[in-house]
């Protein structure tokens, strides 16, 4: 039996592609197509204290989880749509999110920390949400992208205020990620996104709160 929202034609290829994406996201080292954003010359900041380093690492771990989820969402939505052009848009966004995945993992390494231990769970949950959104049609699926990216923008803005002032390296990465997420939301709007009901937006915020709170520590 095929999953809801997946066309019979090419379904097996898409399932294989989705499995490959999951394995690469969770177990392979991501490679960015763009250089890691860095502070301007002279703006590297002072050495972080142990407490600042722990806080920066926790925030970047949360950001890395967000990128794991982004890979899952875009892969599922590309899998579900019947529109070849929209599928290409989702796949292009996923490739750009791969940059974010690589940048946040690199920064975690620099901070002497690790990704979330629950990444497989986060990926599975986000993939399921992406399929459900796709099942309701392209306009709803695009609306889900818009709301997700707007919430991510707000989340990244809060991190810019919470990161230690001396951690200019993390700040440069988060600022570029925020700009990219805004562009993804704008692209989805241009493609015909439908606004989601307020109740759905609230549920999305609640789910994101659980994820970010847990990933801060695990």
Protein backbone atom coordinates (compact mmCIF):
# COMPACT_ATOMS: atom_id res chain seq x y z
CA UNK A 1 0.00 0.00 0.00
CA UNK A 2 1.26 3.46 -0.87
CA UNK A 3 1.42 6.24 1.68
CA UNK A 4 -1.34 8.88 1.31
CA UNK A 5 -0.43 11.72 -1.01
CA UNK A 6 2.12 9.74 -3.06
CA UNK A 7 1.36 9.08 -6.71
CA UNK A 8 1.63 5.52 -7.99
CA UNK A 9 3.96 6.57 -10.80
CA UNK A 10 7.50 6.79 -9.47
CA UNK A 11 6.41 6.07 -5.89
CA UNK A 12 9.11 3.49 -5.30
CA UNK A 13 11.80 5.88 -6.54
CA UNK A 14 10.52 8.54 -4.15
CA UNK A 15 10.46 6.13 -1.24
CA UNK A 16 14.05 5.14 -1.95
CA UNK A 17 15.03 8.80 -2.25
CA UNK A 18 13.31 9.60 1.05
CA UNK A 19 15.10 6.74 2.80
CA UNK A 20 18.43 7.93 1.38
CA UNK A 21 17.74 11.47 2.59
CA UNK A 22 16.95 10.23 6.10
CA UNK A 23 20.13 8.15 6.30
CA UNK A 24 22.30 11.00 5.01
CA UNK A 25 20.71 13.52 7.38
CA UNK A 26 21.01 11.34 10.47
CA UNK A 27 24.21 9.41 9.92
CA UNK A 28 26.41 11.09 7.29
CA UNK A 29 28.50 14.21 7.56
CA UNK A 30 26.67 16.99 5.68
CA UNK A 31 28.60 19.06 3.15
CA UNK A 32 27.65 22.71 2.61
CA UNK A 33 27.62 24.27 -0.84
CA UNK A 34 28.33 27.68 0.70
CA UNK A 35 31.14 28.66 3.02
CA UNK A 36 30.29 28.82 6.70
CA UNK A 37 29.31 32.40 7.64
CA UNK A 38 32.04 33.99 9.73
CA UNK A 39 32.32 37.29 11.63
CA UNK A 40 33.85 40.25 9.87
CA UNK A 41 37.62 40.62 10.35
CA UNK A 42 38.27 41.84 13.86
CA UNK A 43 34.83 40.76 15.04
CA UNK A 44 35.61 37.26 16.29
CA UNK A 45 34.93 38.27 19.89
CA UNK A 46 36.54 37.30 23.16
CA UNK A 47 37.10 33.79 24.42
CA UNK A 48 33.94 32.25 25.85
CA UNK A 49 33.73 31.30 29.50
CA UNK A 50 32.76 27.67 30.26
CA UNK A 51 29.20 28.76 31.06
CA UNK A 52 28.93 30.79 27.85
CA UNK A 53 30.30 27.90 25.84
CA UNK A 54 27.71 25.52 27.31
CA UNK A 55 24.87 27.93 26.58
CA UNK A 56 26.06 28.57 23.02
CA UNK A 57 26.38 24.83 22.43
CA UNK A 58 22.86 24.18 23.75
CA UNK A 59 21.39 26.83 21.45
CA UNK A 60 23.29 25.57 18.42
CA UNK A 61 22.16 22.02 19.21
CA UNK A 62 18.57 23.26 19.09
CA UNK A 63 19.31 24.94 15.76
CA UNK A 64 20.82 21.74 14.42
CA UNK A 65 17.64 19.86 15.40
CA UNK A 66 15.66 22.45 13.47
CA UNK A 67 17.69 21.68 10.38
CA UNK A 68 17.22 17.94 10.83
CA UNK A 69 13.47 18.60 10.91
CA UNK A 70 13.70 20.88 7.87
CA UNK A 71 15.29 18.07 5.87
CA UNK A 72 12.49 15.73 6.90
CA UNK A 73 9.72 18.24 6.16
CA UNK A 74 10.94 19.24 2.72
CA UNK A 75 11.70 15.64 1.74
CA UNK A 76 8.20 14.54 2.74
CA UNK A 77 6.52 17.48 1.02
CA UNK A 78 8.51 16.92 -2.18
CA UNK A 79 7.45 13.29 -2.01
CA UNK A 80 3.76 14.12 -1.57
CA UNK A 81 3.22 16.84 -4.21
CA UNK A 82 2.01 16.02 -7.70
CA UNK A 83 3.42 19.27 -9.08
CA UNK A 84 6.90 18.74 -10.63
CA UNK A 85 7.77 22.44 -10.32
CA UNK A 86 6.78 22.55 -6.67
CA UNK A 87 8.72 19.35 -6.04
CA UNK A 88 11.81 21.07 -7.45
CA UNK A 89 11.18 24.05 -5.14
CA UNK A 90 10.99 21.79 -2.08
CA UNK A 91 14.11 19.91 -3.13
CA UNK A 92 16.02 23.16 -3.70
CA UNK A 93 15.01 24.40 -0.24
CA UNK A 94 16.18 21.12 1.27
CA UNK A 95 19.57 21.54 -0.39
CA UNK A 96 19.90 25.02 1.08
CA UNK A 97 18.89 23.68 4.49
CA UNK A 98 21.75 21.19 4.12
CA UNK A 99 24.09 24.18 4.37
CA UNK A 100 22.49 25.05 7.70
CA UNK A 101 22.81 21.45 8.84
CA UNK A 102 26.53 21.48 8.04
CA UNK A 103 27.15 24.90 9.58
CA UNK A 104 25.43 24.08 12.88
CA UNK A 105 27.20 20.73 13.16
CA UNK A 106 30.56 22.39 12.47
CA UNK A 107 29.87 24.97 15.16
CA UNK A 108 28.87 22.26 17.65
CA UNK A 109 32.22 20.60 16.99
CA UNK A 110 34.01 23.89 17.59
CA UNK A 111 32.15 24.32 20.88
CA UNK A 112 33.10 20.80 21.97
CA UNK A 113 29.51 19.59 21.99
CA UNK A 114 27.25 17.12 20.16
CA UNK A 115 23.95 16.98 18.27
CA UNK A 116 20.72 15.92 19.93
CA UNK A 117 20.54 12.27 20.94
CA UNK A 118 16.91 12.26 19.78
CA UNK A 119 17.51 13.30 16.16
CA UNK A 120 15.94 10.11 14.70
CA UNK A 121 12.77 10.85 16.67
CA UNK A 122 12.70 14.50 15.55
CA UNK A 123 13.24 13.44 11.93
CA UNK A 124 10.46 10.85 12.01
CA UNK A 125 7.99 13.27 13.54
CA UNK A 126 8.77 16.04 11.08
CA UNK A 127 8.57 13.66 8.13
CA UNK A 128 5.13 12.55 9.24
CA UNK A 129 3.95 16.15 9.54
CA UNK A 130 5.27 16.89 6.06
CA UNK A 131 3.33 13.98 4.60
CA UNK A 132 0.15 15.03 6.39
CA UNK A 133 0.51 18.61 5.11
CA UNK A 134 1.10 17.32 1.59
CA UNK A 135 -1.97 15.09 1.82
CA UNK A 136 -4.17 18.19 2.10
CA UNK A 137 -2.88 19.66 -1.16
CA UNK A 138 -0.19 22.01 -2.37
CA UNK A 139 -1.69 25.23 -1.02
CA UNK A 140 -1.93 23.81 2.50
CA UNK A 141 1.52 22.26 2.20
CA UNK A 142 2.95 25.63 1.17
CA UNK A 143 1.05 27.30 4.01
CA UNK A 144 2.72 24.86 6.37
CA UNK A 145 6.10 25.95 4.96
CA UNK A 146 5.28 29.62 5.49
CA UNK A 147 4.17 29.14 9.10
CA UNK A 148 7.09 26.84 9.90
CA UNK A 149 9.63 29.27 8.48
CA UNK A 150 8.04 32.28 10.20
CA UNK A 151 8.22 30.45 13.52
CA UNK A 152 11.83 29.46 12.81
CA UNK A 153 12.66 33.10 12.02
CA UNK A 154 11.27 34.16 15.40
CA UNK A 155 13.13 31.35 17.11
CA UNK A 156 16.43 32.35 15.48
CA UNK A 157 15.85 35.99 16.40
CA UNK A 158 15.47 34.94 20.03
CA UNK A 159 18.74 33.03 19.79
CA UNK A 160 20.52 36.12 18.52
CA UNK A 161 19.47 37.81 21.75
CA UNK A 162 20.41 34.83 23.93
CA UNK A 163 23.78 33.87 22.46
CA UNK A 164 26.74 35.21 24.47
CA UNK A 165 27.80 38.59 23.05
CA UNK A 166 31.33 37.24 22.60
CA UNK A 167 30.14 34.35 20.43
CA UNK A 168 30.30 36.15 17.12
CA UNK A 169 30.93 32.89 15.25
CA UNK A 170 27.56 31.42 16.23
CA UNK A 171 25.86 34.77 15.65
CA UNK A 172 27.11 34.95 12.06
CA UNK A 173 25.69 31.49 11.32
CA UNK A 174 22.34 32.18 12.95
CA UNK A 175 21.94 35.52 11.16
CA UNK A 176 22.47 33.90 7.74
CA UNK A 177 20.11 31.06 8.60
CA UNK A 178 17.44 33.58 9.59
CA UNK A 179 17.77 35.37 6.24
CA UNK A 180 17.52 32.09 4.34
CA UNK A 181 14.41 30.98 6.26
CA UNK A 182 12.71 34.28 5.47
CA UNK A 183 13.40 33.70 1.79
CA UNK A 184 11.92 30.20 1.95
CA UNK A 185 8.74 31.62 3.47
CA UNK A 186 8.53 34.30 0.79
CA UNK A 187 9.05 31.70 -1.94
CA UNK A 188 6.21 29.60 -0.53
CA UNK A 189 3.93 32.63 -0.44
CA UNK A 190 4.77 33.43 -4.05
CA UNK A 191 3.96 29.82 -4.99
CA UNK A 192 0.41 30.15 -3.65
CA UNK A 193 0.48 29.27 0.04
CA UNK A 194 -2.80 29.21 1.93
CA UNK A 195 -2.88 30.73 5.45
CA UNK A 196 -3.32 28.08 8.14
CA UNK A 197 -6.03 28.27 10.82
CA UNK A 198 -4.99 29.89 14.11
CA UNK A 199 -5.51 26.60 15.97
CA UNK A 200 -3.07 24.80 13.68
CA UNK A 201 -0.48 27.54 14.15
CA UNK A 202 -0.87 27.26 17.92
CA UNK A 203 -0.38 23.49 17.81
CA UNK A 204 2.75 23.97 15.70
CA UNK A 205 4.15 26.43 18.25
CA UNK A 206 3.40 24.03 21.10
CA UNK A 207 5.11 21.13 19.32
CA UNK A 208 8.12 23.31 18.52
CA UNK A 209 8.34 24.36 22.18
CA UNK A 210 8.52 20.72 23.31
CA UNK A 211 11.20 19.97 20.74
CA UNK A 212 13.39 23.00 21.44
CA UNK A 213 13.15 22.61 25.22
CA UNK A 214 14.12 18.96 25.06
CA UNK A 215 16.88 19.44 22.48
CA UNK A 216 18.46 22.15 24.64
CA UNK A 217 19.56 19.38 26.99
CA UNK A 218 19.34 16.16 24.96
